[in-house]
Structure formats: C-alpha cells, structure tokens
Amino acid sequence: MSWWLEIVTKNPSCIYYFGPFDSLREAELEKDGYIEDLSQEQAEVIGARIKLHNPLQLTIDLDEPDREREIKVPA
C-alpha cells in the first residue's frame, strides 16, 4: 500500500485519487497544489484526505451508475 490523496468534489460529483506518494509528508506537501488545480477547473472541492490505499480507479464519477464507470488504472 502507498500514500494517496483523495479529493471529493461537487460539480462535478467525483472522487479523485492522486499519488502514489512515498510518505505521508510528501502527500501533505502536494495536497494544496492538487486542490488548487481542481478549483481552477471550476470543481467545488468538498473534502480531502490522505490515506494508505491502492485505488483501482483514479477518477470516480459519482453521477454515473457503477456498471458504466470507466476504470482508469495507474500506469
């Protein structure tokens, strides 16, 4: 497992994962930059947290039914 930044937005309603990071500190240092980037794209950030995780999808569109979600796997 690695450290990942999870950001939840409204308009669009999505969950974004950014990472992996080598340490909690590295993720904390990068967090504000990712939030700023999403805000500049007119996304309303409603939450962010850092966690040990292994996401299968980097972007989850909460408005789409599960069966139609496109899986975006880290390269």
N, C-alpha and C. Protein backbone atom coordinates (compact mmCIF):
# COMPACT_ATOMS: atom_id res chain seq x y z
N MET A 1 0.84 -1.18 0.00
CA MET A 1 0.00 0.00 0.00
C MET A 1 0.88 1.25 0.00
N SER A 2 0.34 2.28 -0.60
CA SER A 2 1.05 3.56 -0.70
C SER A 2 0.16 4.67 -0.19
N TRP A 3 0.77 5.83 0.02
CA TRP A 3 0.02 7.01 0.43
C TRP A 3 -0.63 7.64 -0.80
N TRP A 4 -1.92 7.95 -0.70
CA TRP A 4 -2.69 8.57 -1.77
C TRP A 4 -3.49 9.73 -1.21
N LEU A 5 -3.69 10.73 -2.06
CA LEU A 5 -4.55 11.86 -1.73
C LEU A 5 -5.90 11.62 -2.38
N GLU A 6 -6.96 11.66 -1.58
CA GLU A 6 -8.33 11.50 -2.07
C GLU A 6 -9.02 12.86 -1.96
N ILE A 7 -9.51 13.36 -3.09
CA ILE A 7 -10.22 14.64 -3.11
C ILE A 7 -11.62 14.41 -3.64
N VAL A 8 -12.62 14.89 -2.89
CA VAL A 8 -14.02 14.76 -3.28
C VAL A 8 -14.51 16.13 -3.75
N THR A 9 -15.18 16.15 -4.90
CA THR A 9 -15.70 17.40 -5.44
C THR A 9 -17.19 17.30 -5.71
N LYS A 10 -17.78 18.49 -5.80
CA LYS A 10 -19.17 18.64 -6.18
C LYS A 10 -19.16 19.52 -7.42
N ASN A 11 -19.95 19.21 -8.39
CA ASN A 11 -19.99 19.94 -9.67
C ASN A 11 -18.65 19.95 -10.36
N PRO A 12 -18.12 18.84 -10.84
CA PRO A 12 -18.76 17.53 -10.92
C PRO A 12 -18.65 16.75 -9.60
N SER A 13 -19.55 15.83 -9.42
CA SER A 13 -19.52 14.97 -8.24
C SER A 13 -18.57 13.81 -8.52
N CYS A 14 -17.35 13.96 -8.03
CA CYS A 14 -16.31 12.97 -8.31
C CYS A 14 -15.43 12.74 -7.09
N ILE A 15 -14.75 11.60 -7.13
CA ILE A 15 -13.66 11.31 -6.20
C ILE A 15 -12.42 11.16 -7.06
N TYR A 16 -11.38 11.93 -6.72
CA TYR A 16 -10.11 11.87 -7.44
C TYR A 16 -9.04 11.32 -6.52
N TYR A 17 -8.18 10.47 -7.06
CA TYR A 17 -7.04 9.96 -6.32
C TYR A 17 -5.75 10.45 -6.98
N PHE A 18 -4.85 10.99 -6.18
CA PHE A 18 -3.56 11.46 -6.66
C PHE A 18 -2.47 10.75 -5.87
N GLY A 19 -1.47 10.26 -6.55
CA GLY A 19 -0.39 9.54 -5.91
C GLY A 19 0.20 8.54 -6.89
N PRO A 20 0.90 7.57 -6.41
CA PRO A 20 1.23 7.32 -5.01
C PRO A 20 2.36 8.23 -4.54
N PHE A 21 2.37 8.44 -3.23
CA PHE A 21 3.41 9.22 -2.59
C PHE A 21 4.25 8.29 -1.71
N ASP A 22 5.52 8.63 -1.58
CA ASP A 22 6.44 7.80 -0.79
C ASP A 22 6.22 7.94 0.70
N SER A 23 5.61 9.07 1.11
CA SER A 23 5.42 9.30 2.54
C SER A 23 4.18 10.16 2.78
N LEU A 24 3.69 10.13 3.99
CA LEU A 24 2.58 10.98 4.39
C LEU A 24 2.97 12.45 4.22
N ARG A 25 4.19 12.78 4.59
CA ARG A 25 4.67 14.17 4.48
C ARG A 25 4.66 14.66 3.03
N GLU A 26 5.11 13.82 2.12
CA GLU A 26 5.11 14.19 0.70
C GLU A 26 3.68 14.47 0.23
N ALA A 27 2.74 13.62 0.61
CA ALA A 27 1.34 13.81 0.23
C ALA A 27 0.80 15.11 0.81
N GLU A 28 1.13 15.39 2.07
CA GLU A 28 0.68 16.64 2.70
C GLU A 28 1.22 17.87 1.97
N LEU A 29 2.48 17.80 1.54
CA LEU A 29 3.10 18.92 0.84
C LEU A 29 2.46 19.17 -0.53
N GLU A 30 1.98 18.12 -1.18
CA GLU A 30 1.41 18.24 -2.53
C GLU A 30 -0.10 18.53 -2.52
N LYS A 31 -0.76 18.31 -1.39
CA LYS A 31 -2.21 18.39 -1.32
C LYS A 31 -2.78 19.72 -1.81
N ASP A 32 -2.26 20.83 -1.33
CA ASP A 32 -2.81 22.14 -1.70
C ASP A 32 -2.71 22.41 -3.20
N GLY A 33 -1.65 21.93 -3.84
CA GLY A 33 -1.50 22.11 -5.28
C GLY A 33 -2.56 21.39 -6.07
N TYR A 34 -2.90 20.16 -5.67
CA TYR A 34 -3.95 19.41 -6.35
C TYR A 34 -5.32 20.05 -6.13
N ILE A 35 -5.56 20.52 -4.92
CA ILE A 35 -6.83 21.20 -4.64
C ILE A 35 -6.95 22.46 -5.48
N GLU A 36 -5.88 23.22 -5.58
CA GLU A 36 -5.87 24.44 -6.39
C GLU A 36 -6.14 24.13 -7.86
N ASP A 37 -5.50 23.08 -8.38
CA ASP A 37 -5.72 22.70 -9.78
C ASP A 37 -7.19 22.37 -10.05
N LEU A 38 -7.80 21.60 -9.17
CA LEU A 38 -9.22 21.26 -9.35
C LEU A 38 -10.10 22.50 -9.23
N SER A 39 -9.77 23.37 -8.31
CA SER A 39 -10.55 24.61 -8.15
C SER A 39 -10.45 25.48 -9.39
N GLN A 40 -9.28 25.53 -10.00
CA GLN A 40 -9.12 26.31 -11.23
C GLN A 40 -9.92 25.72 -12.39
N GLU A 41 -10.23 24.44 -12.31
CA GLU A 41 -11.07 23.79 -13.32
C GLU A 41 -12.55 23.90 -12.96
N GLN A 42 -12.85 24.77 -12.01
CA GLN A 42 -14.22 25.06 -11.58
C GLN A 42 -14.88 23.94 -10.78
N ALA A 43 -14.10 22.99 -10.28
CA ALA A 43 -14.64 21.94 -9.41
C ALA A 43 -14.73 22.50 -7.99
N GLU A 44 -15.82 22.19 -7.32
CA GLU A 44 -16.00 22.63 -5.93
C GLU A 44 -15.51 21.52 -5.01
N VAL A 45 -14.35 21.74 -4.40
CA VAL A 45 -13.76 20.75 -3.51
C VAL A 45 -14.51 20.76 -2.18
N ILE A 46 -15.02 19.58 -1.78
CA ILE A 46 -15.77 19.50 -0.53
C ILE A 46 -15.05 18.65 0.53
N GLY A 47 -13.96 18.00 0.14
CA GLY A 47 -13.22 17.22 1.12
C GLY A 47 -11.93 16.69 0.54
N ALA A 48 -10.94 16.50 1.41
CA ALA A 48 -9.66 15.93 1.01
C ALA A 48 -9.08 15.18 2.20
N ARG A 49 -8.49 14.03 1.90
CA ARG A 49 -7.82 13.29 2.96
C ARG A 49 -6.70 12.46 2.35
N ILE A 50 -5.74 12.14 3.18
CA ILE A 50 -4.60 11.32 2.78
C ILE A 50 -4.76 9.99 3.47
N LYS A 51 -4.57 8.92 2.68
CA LYS A 51 -4.73 7.61 3.30
C LYS A 51 -3.85 6.57 2.62
N LEU A 52 -3.55 5.52 3.35
CA LEU A 52 -2.89 4.36 2.76
C LEU A 52 -3.94 3.63 1.95
N HIS A 53 -3.66 3.46 0.66
CA HIS A 53 -4.72 2.98 -0.22
C HIS A 53 -4.08 2.40 -1.47
N ASN A 54 -4.86 1.66 -2.21
CA ASN A 54 -4.47 1.13 -3.51
C ASN A 54 -5.67 1.28 -4.44
N PRO A 55 -5.97 2.48 -4.92
CA PRO A 55 -7.19 2.67 -5.72
C PRO A 55 -7.12 1.94 -7.05
N LEU A 56 -8.25 1.38 -7.46
CA LEU A 56 -8.34 0.75 -8.77
C LEU A 56 -8.71 1.77 -9.84
N GLN A 57 -9.36 2.84 -9.42
CA GLN A 57 -9.74 3.91 -10.33
C GLN A 57 -9.17 5.21 -9.79
N LEU A 58 -8.67 6.05 -10.70
CA LEU A 58 -8.12 7.33 -10.27
C LEU A 58 -9.19 8.41 -10.23
N THR A 59 -10.24 8.23 -11.03
CA THR A 59 -11.35 9.17 -11.05
C THR A 59 -12.64 8.38 -10.99
N ILE A 60 -13.49 8.69 -10.03
CA ILE A 60 -14.79 8.03 -9.90
C ILE A 60 -15.85 9.09 -10.06
N ASP A 61 -16.66 8.95 -11.08
CA ASP A 61 -17.77 9.88 -11.33
C ASP A 61 -18.97 9.37 -10.53
N LEU A 62 -19.35 10.10 -9.50
CA LEU A 62 -20.43 9.66 -8.61
C LEU A 62 -21.81 9.80 -9.24
N ASP A 63 -21.90 10.49 -10.37
CA ASP A 63 -23.18 10.63 -11.06
C ASP A 63 -23.46 9.48 -12.02
N GLU A 64 -22.45 8.66 -12.31
CA GLU A 64 -22.63 7.54 -13.23
C GLU A 64 -22.97 6.27 -12.45
N PRO A 65 -23.85 5.43 -13.02
CA PRO A 65 -24.10 4.12 -12.40
C PRO A 65 -22.81 3.30 -12.41
N ASP A 66 -22.63 2.42 -11.42
CA ASP A 66 -21.41 1.62 -11.30
C ASP A 66 -21.06 0.88 -12.58
N ARG A 67 -22.01 0.31 -13.24
CA ARG A 67 -21.73 -0.52 -14.40
C ARG A 67 -21.20 0.29 -15.59
N GLU A 68 -21.37 1.60 -15.56
CA GLU A 68 -20.93 2.43 -16.67
C GLU A 68 -19.64 3.17 -16.38
N ARG A 69 -19.09 3.03 -15.20
CA ARG A 69 -17.88 3.75 -14.84
C ARG A 69 -16.70 3.25 -15.65
N GLU A 70 -15.90 4.18 -16.13
CA GLU A 70 -14.68 3.83 -16.84
C GLU A 70 -13.59 3.65 -15.79
N ILE A 71 -12.91 2.54 -15.88
CA ILE A 71 -11.82 2.27 -14.93
C ILE A 71 -10.55 2.89 -15.47
N LYS A 72 -9.92 3.72 -14.65
CA LYS A 72 -8.67 4.37 -15.02
C LYS A 72 -7.60 3.88 -14.06
N VAL A 73 -6.83 2.94 -14.52
CA VAL A 73 -5.83 2.30 -13.67
C VAL A 73 -4.51 3.02 -13.80
N PRO A 74 -3.80 3.21 -12.69
CA PRO A 74 -2.49 3.87 -12.75
C PRO A 74 -1.55 3.12 -13.68
N ALA A 75 -0.75 3.86 -14.43
CA ALA A 75 0.21 3.23 -15.37
C ALA A 75 1.41 2.70 -14.63
